[in-house]
Amino acid sequence: MSRCAMLMPEMAEMLIAAACCLRFAKTVVDIDTIDENDKGRRWGGATGQGLKKSYVELSTSELDAIAEGQAKEILSEIYPGYHYWVAANVCCHHEDVVEVRICAECYL
């Protein structure tokens, strides 16, 4: 089965990252993209402030899994009928700054 990836608009990746960031943080203070041209990937990113108390004790891998699941839910609403590959990276700094990076591809 051959898969053809749909190129996601840069703004879509940033907004998905911001939505995921709001799950963990009280506010989003910045959105951006990070290009890894040498690896052929682009990440949408969001930075939030104020880690919500319910997420303080979770490990990074648990936070990553939550963000990946939420990103897939958002993608299924925006692009119904597609299959999704999503990678997420959530990094918390001293319970006051949360960084969320999302890399996503959609396939027919």
N, C-alpha and C. Protein backbone atom coordinates (compact mmCIF):
# COMPACT_ATOMS: atom_id res chain seq x y z
N MET A 1 0.84 -1.17 0.00
CA MET A 1 0.00 0.00 0.00
C MET A 1 0.89 1.23 0.00
N SER A 2 0.75 2.06 -1.02
CA SER A 2 1.56 3.28 -1.04
C SER A 2 0.79 4.40 -0.35
N ARG A 3 1.54 5.20 0.36
CA ARG A 3 0.92 6.32 1.06
C ARG A 3 1.49 7.61 0.50
N CYS A 4 0.63 8.57 0.31
CA CYS A 4 1.06 9.87 -0.17
C CYS A 4 0.74 10.89 0.92
N ALA A 5 1.77 11.47 1.48
CA ALA A 5 1.57 12.41 2.57
C ALA A 5 1.02 13.73 2.06
N MET A 6 0.09 14.29 2.81
CA MET A 6 -0.44 15.61 2.50
C MET A 6 0.39 16.62 3.28
N LEU A 7 0.88 17.62 2.61
CA LEU A 7 1.66 18.65 3.27
C LEU A 7 0.71 19.53 4.09
N MET A 8 0.93 19.56 5.37
CA MET A 8 0.08 20.36 6.25
C MET A 8 0.50 21.82 6.16
N PRO A 9 -0.48 22.72 6.13
CA PRO A 9 -0.11 24.14 6.17
C PRO A 9 0.63 24.46 7.47
N GLU A 10 1.61 25.34 7.37
CA GLU A 10 2.41 25.71 8.52
C GLU A 10 1.54 26.24 9.66
N MET A 11 0.54 27.04 9.32
CA MET A 11 -0.34 27.61 10.34
C MET A 11 -1.12 26.51 11.06
N ALA A 12 -1.51 25.46 10.34
CA ALA A 12 -2.26 24.36 10.97
C ALA A 12 -1.40 23.68 12.04
N GLU A 13 -0.15 23.42 11.74
CA GLU A 13 0.72 22.79 12.74
C GLU A 13 0.90 23.68 13.97
N MET A 14 1.04 24.97 13.74
CA MET A 14 1.21 25.88 14.88
C MET A 14 -0.06 25.94 15.73
N LEU A 15 -1.22 25.97 15.09
CA LEU A 15 -2.47 26.05 15.84
C LEU A 15 -2.78 24.76 16.58
N ILE A 16 -2.44 23.62 16.00
CA ILE A 16 -2.61 22.34 16.69
C ILE A 16 -1.69 22.30 17.91
N ALA A 17 -0.46 22.75 17.76
CA ALA A 17 0.46 22.80 18.90
C ALA A 17 -0.08 23.73 19.98
N ALA A 18 -0.66 24.87 19.58
CA ALA A 18 -1.23 25.80 20.56
C ALA A 18 -2.41 25.18 21.30
N ALA A 19 -3.27 24.46 20.57
CA ALA A 19 -4.41 23.80 21.22
C ALA A 19 -3.93 22.74 22.21
N CYS A 20 -2.91 21.98 21.83
CA CYS A 20 -2.35 20.98 22.74
C CYS A 20 -1.69 21.65 23.94
N CYS A 21 -1.03 22.76 23.71
CA CYS A 21 -0.37 23.49 24.80
C CYS A 21 -1.40 23.98 25.82
N LEU A 22 -2.56 24.43 25.34
CA LEU A 22 -3.60 24.90 26.26
C LEU A 22 -4.14 23.79 27.15
N ARG A 23 -3.97 22.57 26.74
CA ARG A 23 -4.39 21.46 27.60
C ARG A 23 -3.52 21.40 28.86
N PHE A 24 -2.23 21.75 28.71
CA PHE A 24 -1.28 21.65 29.81
C PHE A 24 -1.04 22.97 30.53
N ALA A 25 -1.15 24.08 29.83
CA ALA A 25 -0.79 25.39 30.38
C ALA A 25 -2.02 26.29 30.50
N LYS A 26 -1.90 27.28 31.36
CA LYS A 26 -2.99 28.23 31.56
C LYS A 26 -3.12 29.20 30.39
N THR A 27 -2.00 29.59 29.79
CA THR A 27 -2.03 30.52 28.65
C THR A 27 -0.95 30.14 27.64
N VAL A 28 -1.17 30.48 26.37
CA VAL A 28 -0.18 30.32 25.32
C VAL A 28 0.41 31.71 25.05
N VAL A 29 1.74 31.80 25.09
CA VAL A 29 2.38 33.09 24.91
C VAL A 29 3.09 33.24 23.57
N ASP A 30 3.31 32.10 22.86
CA ASP A 30 4.02 32.18 21.58
C ASP A 30 3.73 30.94 20.76
N ILE A 31 3.64 31.12 19.43
CA ILE A 31 3.58 29.98 18.51
C ILE A 31 4.63 30.20 17.43
N ASP A 32 5.19 29.10 16.92
CA ASP A 32 6.23 29.20 15.91
C ASP A 32 6.37 27.88 15.16
N THR A 33 7.30 27.85 14.23
CA THR A 33 7.64 26.59 13.55
C THR A 33 9.15 26.40 13.64
N ILE A 34 9.53 25.13 13.61
CA ILE A 34 10.94 24.76 13.59
C ILE A 34 11.13 23.83 12.40
N ASP A 35 11.96 24.23 11.47
CA ASP A 35 12.25 23.40 10.31
C ASP A 35 13.49 22.57 10.56
N GLU A 36 13.37 21.28 10.31
CA GLU A 36 14.51 20.37 10.34
C GLU A 36 14.72 19.90 8.92
N ASN A 37 15.18 20.81 8.08
CA ASN A 37 15.30 20.50 6.65
C ASN A 37 16.21 19.31 6.38
N ASP A 38 17.22 19.12 7.23
CA ASP A 38 18.12 17.99 7.03
C ASP A 38 17.41 16.66 7.28
N LYS A 39 16.32 16.68 8.05
CA LYS A 39 15.57 15.46 8.33
C LYS A 39 14.22 15.46 7.60
N GLY A 40 13.91 16.52 6.87
CA GLY A 40 12.68 16.59 6.11
C GLY A 40 11.44 16.79 6.96
N ARG A 41 11.60 17.40 8.14
CA ARG A 41 10.46 17.59 9.04
C ARG A 41 10.30 19.06 9.40
N ARG A 42 9.05 19.41 9.69
CA ARG A 42 8.74 20.73 10.22
C ARG A 42 7.86 20.53 11.45
N TRP A 43 8.18 21.20 12.52
CA TRP A 43 7.43 21.09 13.77
C TRP A 43 6.68 22.39 14.03
N GLY A 44 5.40 22.29 14.39
CA GLY A 44 4.68 23.44 14.90
C GLY A 44 4.93 23.50 16.39
N GLY A 45 5.13 24.69 16.90
CA GLY A 45 5.44 24.81 18.32
C GLY A 45 4.61 25.85 19.02
N ALA A 46 4.43 25.64 20.31
CA ALA A 46 3.73 26.61 21.14
C ALA A 46 4.39 26.63 22.51
N THR A 47 4.46 27.81 23.09
CA THR A 47 5.00 27.98 24.43
C THR A 47 3.91 28.53 25.31
N GLY A 48 3.71 27.88 26.45
CA GLY A 48 2.68 28.32 27.39
C GLY A 48 3.28 28.62 28.75
N GLN A 49 2.47 29.30 29.56
CA GLN A 49 2.90 29.61 30.92
C GLN A 49 1.90 29.04 31.91
N GLY A 50 2.41 28.57 33.03
CA GLY A 50 1.57 28.07 34.11
C GLY A 50 1.08 26.66 33.89
N LEU A 51 1.93 25.68 34.19
CA LEU A 51 1.54 24.28 34.06
C LEU A 51 0.36 23.99 34.99
N LYS A 52 -0.70 23.41 34.41
CA LYS A 52 -1.88 23.07 35.22
C LYS A 52 -1.52 21.98 36.22
N LYS A 53 -2.06 22.07 37.40
CA LYS A 53 -1.69 21.17 38.52
C LYS A 53 -1.90 19.70 38.20
N SER A 54 -2.91 19.37 37.40
CA SER A 54 -3.20 17.96 37.12
C SER A 54 -2.12 17.29 36.29
N TYR A 55 -1.20 18.06 35.71
CA TYR A 55 -0.14 17.49 34.87
C TYR A 55 1.24 17.54 35.52
N VAL A 56 1.36 18.11 36.70
CA VAL A 56 2.66 18.31 37.34
C VAL A 56 3.40 16.99 37.58
N GLU A 57 2.72 15.96 37.99
CA GLU A 57 3.37 14.69 38.36
C GLU A 57 3.59 13.74 37.19
N LEU A 58 3.13 14.08 35.99
CA LEU A 58 3.26 13.16 34.85
C LEU A 58 4.66 13.23 34.25
N SER A 59 5.09 12.10 33.70
CA SER A 59 6.40 12.04 33.04
C SER A 59 6.31 12.69 31.66
N THR A 60 7.46 12.96 31.08
CA THR A 60 7.51 13.54 29.74
C THR A 60 6.85 12.62 28.72
N SER A 61 7.09 11.32 28.82
CA SER A 61 6.49 10.38 27.86
C SER A 61 4.97 10.35 27.99
N GLU A 62 4.45 10.50 29.20
CA GLU A 62 2.99 10.55 29.39
C GLU A 62 2.42 11.83 28.79
N LEU A 63 3.11 12.95 28.98
CA LEU A 63 2.66 14.21 28.40
C LEU A 63 2.71 14.15 26.87
N ASP A 64 3.77 13.55 26.32
CA ASP A 64 3.89 13.38 24.87
C ASP A 64 2.71 12.58 24.32
N ALA A 65 2.36 11.49 24.99
CA ALA A 65 1.25 10.63 24.54
C ALA A 65 -0.08 11.39 24.58
N ILE A 66 -0.29 12.19 25.60
CA ILE A 66 -1.52 12.98 25.69
C ILE A 66 -1.58 13.98 24.54
N ALA A 67 -0.47 14.67 24.27
CA ALA A 67 -0.44 15.65 23.18
C ALA A 67 -0.65 14.98 21.82
N GLU A 68 -0.04 13.81 21.61
CA GLU A 68 -0.24 13.09 20.35
C GLU A 68 -1.70 12.71 20.15
N GLY A 69 -2.33 12.21 21.21
CA GLY A 69 -3.74 11.84 21.13
C GLY A 69 -4.62 13.03 20.82
N GLN A 70 -4.36 14.16 21.47
CA GLN A 70 -5.17 15.35 21.22
C GLN A 70 -4.95 15.86 19.80
N ALA A 71 -3.71 15.84 19.32
CA ALA A 71 -3.43 16.28 17.95
C ALA A 71 -4.17 15.41 16.94
N LYS A 72 -4.20 14.10 17.17
CA LYS A 72 -4.94 13.21 16.26
C LYS A 72 -6.43 13.50 16.27
N GLU A 73 -6.99 13.81 17.44
CA GLU A 73 -8.41 14.18 17.52
C GLU A 73 -8.69 15.44 16.72
N ILE A 74 -7.83 16.44 16.85
CA ILE A 74 -8.01 17.68 16.11
C ILE A 74 -7.89 17.43 14.61
N LEU A 75 -6.89 16.64 14.20
CA LEU A 75 -6.71 16.34 12.79
C LEU A 75 -7.90 15.59 12.21
N SER A 76 -8.50 14.69 12.98
CA SER A 76 -9.65 13.94 12.47
C SER A 76 -10.86 14.85 12.23
N GLU A 77 -10.93 15.96 12.95
CA GLU A 77 -12.01 16.92 12.73
C GLU A 77 -11.71 17.81 11.52
N ILE A 78 -10.45 18.19 11.36
CA ILE A 78 -10.07 19.09 10.26
C ILE A 78 -9.98 18.33 8.94
N TYR A 79 -9.37 17.15 8.97
CA TYR A 79 -9.14 16.34 7.77
C TYR A 79 -9.77 14.96 7.94
N PRO A 80 -11.11 14.86 7.89
CA PRO A 80 -11.75 13.55 8.07
C PRO A 80 -11.41 12.61 6.91
N GLY A 81 -11.30 11.32 7.22
CA GLY A 81 -11.03 10.32 6.21
C GLY A 81 -9.56 10.05 5.97
N TYR A 82 -8.68 10.78 6.63
CA TYR A 82 -7.25 10.58 6.48
C TYR A 82 -6.72 9.71 7.62
N HIS A 83 -5.53 9.17 7.43
CA HIS A 83 -4.78 8.50 8.49
C HIS A 83 -3.70 9.49 8.92
N TYR A 84 -3.30 9.41 10.18
CA TYR A 84 -2.40 10.42 10.71
C TYR A 84 -1.18 9.79 11.36
N TRP A 85 -0.05 10.43 11.15
CA TRP A 85 1.17 10.13 11.89
C TRP A 85 1.49 11.40 12.67
N VAL A 86 1.61 11.28 13.97
CA VAL A 86 1.85 12.44 14.81
C VAL A 86 2.98 12.13 15.79
N ALA A 87 3.88 13.07 15.92
CA ALA A 87 4.91 13.01 16.96
C ALA A 87 4.76 14.27 17.80
N ALA A 88 4.88 14.10 19.10
CA ALA A 88 4.77 15.25 20.00
C ALA A 88 5.94 15.24 20.97
N ASN A 89 6.34 16.43 21.36
CA ASN A 89 7.38 16.60 22.36
C ASN A 89 6.91 17.69 23.30
N VAL A 90 6.74 17.33 24.57
CA VAL A 90 6.30 18.28 25.59
C VAL A 90 7.43 18.43 26.60
N CYS A 91 7.81 19.67 26.86
CA CYS A 91 8.89 19.94 27.79
C CYS A 91 8.41 20.97 28.81
N CYS A 92 8.53 20.64 30.08
CA CYS A 92 8.11 21.54 31.16
C CYS A 92 9.35 22.10 31.85
N HIS A 93 9.33 23.40 32.08
CA HIS A 93 10.45 24.06 32.75
C HIS A 93 9.96 24.65 34.07
N HIS A 94 10.32 24.05 35.16
CA HIS A 94 10.05 24.57 36.50
C HIS A 94 8.58 24.88 36.76
N GLU A 95 7.68 24.14 36.17
CA GLU A 95 6.23 24.29 36.37
C GLU A 95 5.69 25.66 35.97
N ASP A 96 6.48 26.46 35.24
CA ASP A 96 5.94 27.74 34.82
C ASP A 96 5.96 27.93 33.30
N VAL A 97 6.81 27.20 32.59
CA VAL A 97 6.87 27.29 31.13
C VAL A 97 6.69 25.89 30.54
N VAL A 98 5.80 25.79 29.57
CA VAL A 98 5.52 24.52 28.89
C VAL A 98 5.76 24.73 27.40
N GLU A 99 6.58 23.87 26.80
CA GLU A 99 6.80 23.92 25.37
C GLU A 99 6.21 22.66 24.74
N VAL A 100 5.42 22.84 23.69
CA VAL A 100 4.81 21.73 22.97
C VAL A 100 5.22 21.82 21.51
N ARG A 101 5.77 20.75 20.97
CA ARG A 101 6.13 20.66 19.56
C ARG A 101 5.33 19.53 18.93
N ILE A 102 4.73 19.80 17.79
CA ILE A 102 3.92 18.81 17.07
C ILE A 102 4.42 18.70 15.64
N CYS A 103 4.66 17.47 15.20
CA CYS A 103 4.99 17.19 13.81
C CYS A 103 3.93 16.19 13.33
N ALA A 104 3.24 16.53 12.25
CA ALA A 104 2.13 15.68 11.82
C ALA A 104 2.12 15.52 10.30
N GLU A 105 1.72 14.35 9.86
CA GLU A 105 1.49 14.08 8.45
C GLU A 105 0.15 13.39 8.31
N CYS A 106 -0.54 13.70 7.24
CA CYS A 106 -1.84 13.07 6.95
C CYS A 106 -1.71 12.25 5.67
N TYR A 107 -2.30 11.07 5.66
CA TYR A 107 -2.25 10.17 4.52
C TYR A 107 -3.66 9.75 4.13
N LEU A 108 -3.86 9.59 2.82
CA LEU A 108 -5.13 9.03 2.36
C LEU A 108 -5.16 7.55 2.57
